[in-house]
C-alpha atoms as a PDB file:
ATOM      1  CA  MET A   1      67.435  83.007  96.195  1.00  0.00           C
ATOM      2  CA  SER A   2      67.330  84.804  99.513  1.00  0.00           C
ATOM      3  CA  ASP A   3      67.451  88.606  99.373  1.00  0.00           C
ATOM      4  CA  PRO A   4      65.674  90.008 102.457  1.00  0.00           C
ATOM      5  CA  PHE A   5      67.291  93.452 102.083  1.00  0.00           C
ATOM      6  CA  GLY A   6      66.641  93.952  98.353  1.00  0.00           C
ATOM      7  CA  LEU A   7      70.333  94.063  97.405  1.00  0.00           C
ATOM      8  CA  LYS A   8      70.377  91.591  94.492  1.00  0.00           C
ATOM      9  CA  PRO A   9      69.328  94.117  91.848  1.00  0.00           C
ATOM     10  CA  SER A  10      72.532  96.020  92.686  1.00  0.00           C
ATOM     11  CA  ILE A  11      74.818  92.989  92.230  1.00  0.00           C
ATOM     12  CA  ARG A  12      75.869  92.321  88.639  1.00  0.00           C
ATOM     13  CA  THR A  13      76.379  88.762  87.353  1.00  0.00           C
ATOM     14  CA  VAL A  14      79.305  88.144  84.987  1.00  0.00           C
ATOM     15  CA  GLU A  15      79.539  84.761  83.253  1.00  0.00           C
ATOM     16  CA  ASP A  16      82.865  83.004  82.596  1.00  0.00           C
ATOM     17  CA  TYR A  17      84.926  85.298  84.831  1.00  0.00           C
ATOM     18  CA  PRO A  18      87.706  84.998  85.893  1.00  0.00           C
ATOM     19  CA  ILE A  19      87.792  81.679  84.039  1.00  0.00           C
ATOM     20  CA  SER A  20      85.371  79.759  81.844  1.00  0.00           C
ATOM     21  CA  GLY A  21      82.545  78.120  83.789  1.00  0.00           C
ATOM     22  CA  ILE A  22      82.583  80.554  86.725  1.00  0.00           C
ATOM     23  CA  THR A  23      79.584  82.787  87.431  1.00  0.00           C
ATOM     24  CA  PHE A  24      81.072  85.871  89.102  1.00  0.00           C
ATOM     25  CA  ARG A  25      78.987  88.053  91.426  1.00  0.00           C
ATOM     26  CA  ASP A  26      80.304  91.573  90.818  1.00  0.00           C
ATOM     27  CA  ILE A  27      79.891  93.882  93.822  1.00  0.00           C
ATOM     28  CA  THR A  28      81.212  96.960  91.997  1.00  0.00           C
ATOM     29  CA  SER A  29      77.680  97.746  90.852  1.00  0.00           C
ATOM     30  CA  LEU A  30      76.508  97.662  94.490  1.00  0.00           C
ATOM     31  CA  LEU A  31      79.371  99.960  95.502  1.00  0.00           C
ATOM     32  CA  GLU A  32      78.349 102.371  92.730  1.00  0.00           C
ATOM     33  CA  THR A  33      74.790 102.495  94.100  1.00  0.00           C
ATOM     34  CA  PRO A  34      74.994 104.552  97.315  1.00  0.00           C
ATOM     35  CA  SER A  35      71.618 103.424  98.688  1.00  0.00           C
ATOM     36  CA  ALA A  36      72.546  99.734  98.266  1.00  0.00           C
ATOM     37  CA  PHE A  37      76.068 100.200  99.673  1.00  0.00           C
ATOM     38  CA  VAL A  38      74.749 102.082 102.710  1.00  0.00           C
ATOM     39  CA  LYS A  39      72.048  99.432 103.278  1.00  0.00           C
ATOM     40  CA  ALA A  40      74.610  96.602 103.018  1.00  0.00           C
ATOM     41  CA  CYS A  41      76.953  98.302 105.496  1.00  0.00           C
ATOM     42  CA  GLN A  42      74.098  99.056 107.909  1.00  0.00           C
ATOM     43  CA  GLU A  43      72.857  95.460 107.869  1.00  0.00           C
ATOM     44  CA  LEU A  44      76.363  93.999 108.232  1.00  0.00           C
ATOM     45  CA  SER A  45      76.932  96.347 111.181  1.00  0.00           C
ATOM     46  CA  ARG A  46      73.608  95.305 112.722  1.00  0.00           C
ATOM     47  CA  MET A  47      74.430  91.595 112.372  1.00  0.00           C
ATOM     48  CA  SER A  48      77.925  92.177 113.725  1.00  0.00           C
ATOM     49  CA  LYS A  49      76.663  94.130 116.726  1.00  0.00           C
ATOM     50  CA  ALA A  50      74.231  91.318 117.596  1.00  0.00           C
ATOM     51  CA  PHE A  51      77.255  88.985 117.921  1.00  0.00           C
ATOM     52  CA  ALA A  52      78.830  91.380 120.510  1.00  0.00           C
ATOM     53  CA  PRO A  53      82.292  91.392 118.911  1.00  0.00           C
ATOM     54  CA  THR A  54      85.467  92.862 120.389  1.00  0.00           C
ATOM     55  CA  ALA A  55      87.206  93.090 116.995  1.00  0.00           C
ATOM     56  CA  VAL A  56      86.550  93.000 113.257  1.00  0.00           C
ATOM     57  CA  ALA A  57      88.846  90.978 110.988  1.00  0.00           C
ATOM     58  CA  SER A  58      88.895  91.895 107.319  1.00  0.00           C
ATOM     59  CA  ILE A  59      89.873  89.663 104.410  1.00  0.00           C
ATOM     60  CA  GLU A  60      91.820  91.250 101.531  1.00  0.00           C
ATOM     61  CA  SER A  61      90.735  92.918  99.449  1.00  0.00           C
ATOM     62  CA  ARG A  62      86.995  93.307  99.017  1.00  0.00           C
ATOM     63  CA  GLY A  63      86.369  92.509 102.674  1.00  0.00           C
ATOM     64  CA  PHE A  64      88.184  95.748 103.525  1.00  0.00           C
ATOM     65  CA  ILE A  65      85.412  97.718 101.801  1.00  0.00           C
ATOM     66  CA  PHE A  66      82.768  96.465 104.234  1.00  0.00           C
ATOM     67  CA  ALA A  67      84.877  95.916 107.366  1.00  0.00           C
ATOM     68  CA  GLY A  68      86.000  99.548 107.614  1.00  0.00           C
ATOM     69  CA  PRO A  69      82.482 100.956 108.031  1.00  0.00           C
ATOM     70  CA  ILE A  70      81.570  98.167 110.473  1.00  0.00           C
ATOM     71  CA  ALA A  71      84.653  98.731 112.649  1.00  0.00           C
ATOM     72  CA  CYS A  72      83.937 102.470 112.572  1.00  0.00           C
ATOM     73  CA  ASP A  73      80.214 102.062 113.372  1.00  0.00           C
ATOM     74  CA  LEU A  74      80.948  99.748 116.309  1.00  0.00           C
ATOM     75  CA  SER A  75      84.157 101.518 117.470  1.00  0.00           C
ATOM     76  CA  LEU A  76      86.147  98.285 117.226  1.00  0.00           C
ATOM     77  CA  PRO A  77      89.713  97.496 116.204  1.00  0.00           C
ATOM     78  CA  MET A  78      90.096  96.213 112.634  1.00  0.00           C
ATOM     79  CA  VAL A  79      92.511  93.338 112.007  1.00  0.00           C
ATOM     80  CA  LEU A  80      93.804  92.857 108.459  1.00  0.00           C
ATOM     81  CA  ALA A  81      94.090  89.394 106.889  1.00  0.00           C
ATOM     82  CA  ARG A  82      96.264  90.023 103.846  1.00  0.00           C
ATOM     83  CA  LYS A  83      97.996  88.253 100.995  1.00  0.00           C
ATOM     84  CA  PRO A  84     101.608  87.239 101.703  1.00  0.00           C
ATOM     85  CA  GLY A  85     104.200  89.988 101.929  1.00  0.00           C
ATOM     86  CA  LYS A  86     101.712  92.866 102.314  1.00  0.00           C
ATOM     87  CA  LEU A  87     102.065  93.390 106.081  1.00  0.00           C
ATOM     88  CA  PRO A  88     105.023  95.287 107.598  1.00  0.00           C
ATOM     89  CA  ASN A  89     105.549  93.046 110.667  1.00  0.00           C
ATOM     90  CA  ASP A  90     106.192  89.334 111.194  1.00  0.00           C
ATOM     91  CA  ALA A  91     103.016  87.436 110.391  1.00  0.00           C
ATOM     92  CA  TYR A  92     101.350  84.071 110.830  1.00  0.00           C
ATOM     93  CA  ARG A  93     100.474  82.436 107.511  1.00  0.00           C
ATOM     94  CA  LYS A  94      97.766  79.974 106.492  1.00  0.00           C
ATOM     95  CA  GLU A  95      97.673  78.335 103.046  1.00  0.00           C
ATOM     96  CA  PHE A  96      94.372  77.216 101.521  1.00  0.00           C
ATOM     97  CA  ASP A  97      92.613  76.258  98.281  1.00  0.00           C
ATOM     98  CA  LEU A  98      90.125  78.371  96.348  1.00  0.00           C
ATOM     99  CA  GLU A  99      87.527  77.385  93.751  1.00  0.00           C
ATOM    100  CA  TYR A 100      90.149  77.877  91.036  1.00  0.00           C
ATOM    101  CA  GLY A 101      93.585  77.906  92.664  1.00  0.00           C
ATOM    102  CA  SER A 102      95.419  78.174  95.963  1.00  0.00           C
ATOM    103  CA  THR A 103      96.883  81.009  98.010  1.00  0.00           C
ATOM    104  CA  SER A 104      97.505  82.063 101.608  1.00  0.00           C
ATOM    105  CA  LEU A 105      96.553  84.713 104.148  1.00  0.00           C
ATOM    106  CA  GLU A 106      98.616  86.415 106.827  1.00  0.00           C
ATOM    107  CA  ILE A 107      97.834  88.215 110.088  1.00  0.00           C
ATOM    108  CA  GLN A 108     100.541  90.126 111.944  1.00  0.00           C
ATOM    109  CA  LYS A 109     101.948  88.386 115.013  1.00  0.00           C
ATOM    110  CA  ASN A 110     101.763  91.615 117.015  1.00  0.00           C
ATOM    111  CA  THR A 111      97.959  91.753 116.659  1.00  0.00           C
ATOM    112  CA  VAL A 112      96.360  92.055 120.087  1.00  0.00           C
ATOM    113  CA  LEU A 113      93.758  89.285 120.336  1.00  0.00           C
ATOM    114  CA  ASN A 114      93.260  86.475 122.838  1.00  0.00           C
ATOM    115  CA  ALA A 115      90.879  83.759 124.061  1.00  0.00           C
ATOM    116  CA  ALA A 116      88.486  86.334 125.545  1.00  0.00           C
ATOM    117  CA  ASP A 117      87.871  88.034 122.190  1.00  0.00           C
ATOM    118  CA  ARG A 118      84.869  87.705 119.902  1.00  0.00           C
ATOM    119  CA  VAL A 119      85.770  88.382 116.275  1.00  0.00           C
ATOM    120  CA  VAL A 120      83.611  89.052 113.223  1.00  0.00           C
ATOM    121  CA  ILE A 121      85.420  88.141 109.994  1.00  0.00           C
ATOM    122  CA  ILE A 122      84.138  90.225 107.081  1.00  0.00           C
ATOM    123  CA  ASP A 123      84.394  89.312 103.398  1.00  0.00           C
ATOM    124  CA  ASP A 124      82.368  90.082 100.311  1.00  0.00           C
ATOM    125  CA  LEU A 125      81.491  86.492  99.374  1.00  0.00           C
ATOM    126  CA  ILE A 126      81.463  82.928 100.690  1.00  0.00           C
ATOM    127  CA  ALA A 127      82.003  80.333  97.962  1.00  0.00           C
ATOM    128  CA  THR A 128      83.903  77.187  98.991  1.00  0.00           C
ATOM    129  CA  GLY A 129      84.771  78.697 102.382  1.00  0.00           C
ATOM    130  CA  GLY A 130      88.535  78.307 102.048  1.00  0.00           C
ATOM    131  CA  THR A 131      89.418  81.962 102.569  1.00  0.00           C
ATOM    132  CA  ALA A 132      87.109  82.444 105.553  1.00  0.00           C
ATOM    133  CA  ILE A 133      88.191  79.215 107.228  1.00  0.00           C
ATOM    134  CA  ALA A 134      91.868  80.106 106.722  1.00  0.00           C
ATOM    135  CA  CYS A 135      91.276  83.445 108.436  1.00  0.00           C
ATOM    136  CA  ALA A 136      89.272  81.827 111.248  1.00  0.00           C
ATOM    137  CA  GLU A 137      91.978  79.186 111.747  1.00  0.00           C
ATOM    138  CA  LEU A 138      94.649  81.894 111.995  1.00  0.00           C
ATOM    139  CA  LEU A 139      92.606  83.537 114.767  1.00  0.00           C
ATOM    140  CA  ASN A 140      91.864  80.245 116.508  1.00  0.00           C
ATOM    141  CA  GLU A 141      95.302  78.616 116.245  1.00  0.00           C
ATOM    142  CA  HIS A 142      97.576  81.616 116.812  1.00  0.00           C
ATOM    143  CA  PHE A 143      95.490  83.969 118.965  1.00  0.00           C
ATOM    144  CA  ARG A 144      93.438  81.300 120.795  1.00  0.00           C
ATOM    145  CA  VAL A 145      90.103  82.892 119.842  1.00  0.00           C
ATOM    146  CA  PRO A 146      87.585  80.056 120.427  1.00  0.00           C
ATOM    147  CA  ARG A 147      85.743  78.803 117.348  1.00  0.00           C
ATOM    148  CA  GLU A 148      82.369  79.717 118.867  1.00  0.00           C
ATOM    149  CA  ASN A 149      83.654  83.295 119.318  1.00  0.00           C
ATOM    150  CA  ILE A 150      84.203  83.744 115.581  1.00  0.00           C
ATOM    151  CA  LEU A 151      81.489  84.868 113.145  1.00  0.00           C
ATOM    152  CA  VAL A 152      82.156  84.781 109.401  1.00  0.00           C
ATOM    153  CA  LEU A 153      79.931  87.399 107.829  1.00  0.00           C
ATOM    154  CA  ALA A 154      79.672  88.126 104.098  1.00  0.00           C
ATOM    155  CA  LEU A 155      77.598  90.202 101.747  1.00  0.00           C
ATOM    156  CA  ILE A 156      76.973  87.190  99.457  1.00  0.00           C
ATOM    157  CA  ASP A 157      76.747  83.448 100.123  1.00  0.00           C
ATOM    158  CA  LEU A 158      76.831  80.787  97.420  1.00  0.00           C
ATOM    159  CA  PRO A 159      75.559  77.844  99.543  1.00  0.00           C
ATOM    160  CA  ALA A 160      75.542  75.414  96.597  1.00  0.00           C
ATOM    161  CA  LEU A 161      79.365  75.550  96.672  1.00  0.00           C
ATOM    162  CA  GLY A 162      79.327  74.321 100.275  1.00  0.00           C
ATOM    163  CA  GLY A 163      81.378  77.038 101.929  1.00  0.00           C
ATOM    164  CA  SER A 164      78.882  78.265 104.503  1.00  0.00           C
ATOM    165  CA  GLY A 165      78.074  74.668 105.467  1.00  0.00           C
ATOM    166  CA  LEU A 166      81.774  73.865 105.850  1.00  0.00           C
ATOM    167  CA  ILE A 167      82.331  76.980 107.962  1.00  0.00           C
ATOM    168  CA  SER A 168      79.447  75.960 110.220  1.00  0.00           C
ATOM    169  CA  THR A 169      80.520  72.318 110.549  1.00  0.00           C
ATOM    170  CA  SER A 170      84.039  73.553 111.365  1.00  0.00           C
ATOM    171  CA  GLY A 171      82.555  75.145 114.494  1.00  0.00           C
ATOM    172  CA  TYR A 172      82.381  78.765 113.362  1.00  0.00           C
ATOM    173  CA  ASN A 173      79.298  80.980 113.142  1.00  0.00           C
ATOM    174  CA  VAL A 174      78.310  82.133 109.660  1.00  0.00           C
ATOM    175  CA  GLY A 175      75.930  84.680 108.143  1.00  0.00           C
ATOM    176  CA  SER A 176      75.269  86.660 104.959  1.00  0.00           C
ATOM    177  CA  LEU A 177      72.914  89.242 103.491  1.00  0.00           C
ATOM    178  CA  VAL A 178      72.249  87.661 100.078  1.00  0.00           C
ATOM    179  CA  GLU A 179      72.169  84.032  98.914  1.00  0.00           C
ATOM    180  CA  TYR A 180      72.459  82.772  95.349  1.00  0.00           C
ATOM    181  CA  ARG A 181      71.410  79.111  95.091  1.00  0.00           C
END
């Protein structure tokens, strides 16, 4: 169980949520601990900066919490990947499966990105990888951002569920601060 930044004690574990059999990693306890939240944001910013991004993409909703400070720290534009119907302009949509259901993400068509961009996608957790890959595919397919120019970065990785491996084998870069095996 990798925890090089000492953040695990600030992440609560909730059994059988949101459905029976799921072990939920609750980040609200980390958010309520200023020293842990600041450390997480600083390390995510450091890892992002090392990738030399030109934009930060944020996955609804918990990804917004971490992407805002990173975009601010690095003075980068922040692109929102939201649930359907939440964006005011025409949007590209990508449907995908989750560990316990299916959904879709949207990014506005008027977003200014292209093949020269390097984008860090921020989310709170990587489980099966469906959400992150959907976001990365939206960027790759509709804005021509090359796969190698996309980094999926999360606070928590659950590698036993295969998501980070799938992201990597799909040609995207991947990283996290905490792993639960």
